[in-house]
Protein backbone atom coordinates (compact mmCIF):
# COMPACT_ATOMS: atom_id res chain seq x y z
CA MET A 1 0.16 -0.12 -0.03
CA TRP A 2 0.97 3.72 -0.72
CA ASN A 3 2.24 5.36 2.06
CA ARG A 4 2.74 8.99 1.78
CA ASP A 5 6.22 8.83 4.17
CA SER A 6 7.77 6.53 1.28
CA VAL A 7 7.88 8.73 -1.17
CA PRO A 8 11.41 10.22 -1.78
CA GLY A 9 11.80 13.83 -1.22
CA GLN A 10 11.91 16.27 -4.29
CA PRO A 11 14.93 16.88 -5.70
CA ALA A 12 17.00 20.61 -5.81
CA PRO A 13 15.57 22.00 -9.01
CA ALA A 14 17.74 21.90 -11.87
CA LYS A 15 19.74 24.28 -12.87
CA PHE A 16 19.40 26.05 -16.49
CA ASP A 17 21.56 28.52 -18.16
CA ARG A 18 18.81 30.16 -19.78
CA SER A 19 14.97 30.46 -19.87
CA GLY A 20 11.97 32.25 -21.08
CA PHE A 21 8.38 31.93 -22.56
CA ALA A 22 7.19 31.06 -25.79
CA ASN A 23 3.77 32.70 -27.15
CA VAL A 24 2.10 29.79 -29.08
CA ASN A 25 -1.67 29.65 -29.69
CA GLY A 26 -2.92 32.05 -26.90
CA ILE A 27 -0.19 30.03 -24.44
CA ARG A 28 2.62 30.82 -22.77
CA LEU A 29 4.62 27.70 -22.75
CA TYR A 30 7.76 28.27 -19.89
CA ASN A 31 10.80 26.48 -21.50
CA ALA A 32 14.41 26.44 -20.19
CA GLU A 33 18.19 24.94 -21.36
CA VAL A 34 21.47 23.91 -20.53
CA GLY A 35 24.53 22.66 -22.01
CA LYS A 36 25.67 21.85 -26.16
CA GLY A 37 25.58 19.54 -28.20
CA SER A 38 22.80 17.67 -30.29
CA PRO A 39 19.45 18.87 -28.63
CA VAL A 40 17.70 16.69 -26.04
CA LEU A 41 14.08 17.37 -24.90
CA LEU A 42 12.89 16.55 -21.91
CA LEU A 43 8.83 16.30 -20.90
CA HIS A 44 7.83 15.60 -17.89
CA GLY A 45 5.10 13.81 -16.60
CA GLY A 46 2.04 13.69 -14.44
CA LEU A 47 1.62 16.67 -12.42
CA ALA A 48 5.20 17.80 -12.80
CA LYS A 49 6.81 20.64 -13.94
CA ALA A 50 10.65 20.94 -15.28
CA ASP A 51 12.62 21.21 -12.15
CA TYR A 52 11.77 18.39 -11.73
CA LEU A 53 13.96 16.80 -14.29
CA ALA A 54 17.36 17.85 -12.50
CA ARG A 55 18.56 14.37 -12.60
CA GLN A 56 18.31 13.97 -15.78
CA VAL A 57 19.64 17.53 -16.95
CA ASP A 58 22.54 16.89 -14.84
CA ALA A 59 23.33 13.57 -16.75
CA LEU A 60 22.96 14.90 -20.12
CA LYS A 61 23.88 18.77 -20.21
CA ALA A 62 27.67 17.96 -20.88
CA HIS A 63 26.76 16.17 -24.01
CA HIS A 64 23.48 17.80 -25.37
CA ARG A 65 21.77 21.08 -25.38
CA VAL A 66 19.17 20.19 -22.70
CA ILE A 67 15.53 21.91 -23.28
CA ALA A 68 13.38 21.18 -20.65
CA VAL A 69 9.40 22.65 -20.94
CA ASP A 70 7.01 23.18 -18.61
CA THR A 71 4.07 21.46 -20.51
CA ARG A 72 0.42 23.42 -20.64
CA GLY A 73 -1.05 24.20 -17.74
CA HIS A 74 1.62 22.97 -15.54
CA GLY A 75 4.30 24.81 -13.58
CA ARG A 76 4.71 28.31 -14.82
CA SER A 77 3.10 27.50 -18.20
CA THR A 78 -0.38 29.11 -18.38
CA PRO A 79 -3.09 26.58 -19.24
CA PRO A 80 -4.91 26.01 -22.31
CA ALA A 81 -8.22 27.33 -23.13
CA CYS A 82 -9.68 23.69 -23.97
CA PRO A 83 -8.88 21.38 -20.34
CA ALA A 84 -8.35 18.09 -22.96
CA ALA A 85 -5.54 19.60 -24.84
CA GLY A 86 -2.78 17.33 -22.84
CA VAL A 87 0.76 16.46 -23.34
CA SER A 88 -0.25 15.59 -27.43
CA ALA A 89 -0.70 19.27 -27.99
CA ASN A 90 2.40 20.11 -26.58
CA VAL A 91 4.43 18.18 -28.72
CA ILE A 92 3.02 19.70 -32.03
CA VAL A 93 4.42 23.60 -30.76
CA TYR A 94 8.02 22.68 -29.47
CA PRO A 95 9.28 23.34 -32.74
CA LYS A 96 7.96 27.25 -31.94
CA ILE A 97 10.00 27.80 -28.98
CA PRO A 98 12.66 30.01 -30.05
CA PRO A 99 16.54 29.34 -30.34
CA ALA A 100 18.90 29.91 -27.60
CA ASP A 101 20.56 32.86 -29.23
CA ARG A 102 16.91 34.56 -28.82
CA PHE A 103 16.01 33.63 -25.44
CA PRO A 104 15.44 36.88 -22.93
CA ARG A 105 18.40 37.65 -20.85
């Protein structure tokens, strides 16, 4: 049986070099990145947010450009107008995230 005391604690938030928002279809989609190399897009699950991916970010950032996103209605991203728009709807908009050199400083 699930016991709240047996759930591991949340790791420290992921450290990113750049972060910002992409305005996509009326939603402010939070995105952050760190590292250089081939891009890796990290998607959090369930009721999480990009900050929860610290261990994955740390493992990948030495050799990859790691991009993490708070999906619609999670973390710092605003919710969609249609509640049925879930994670699959996010995947469609990721190509619209600005390149690293266009993130706000």
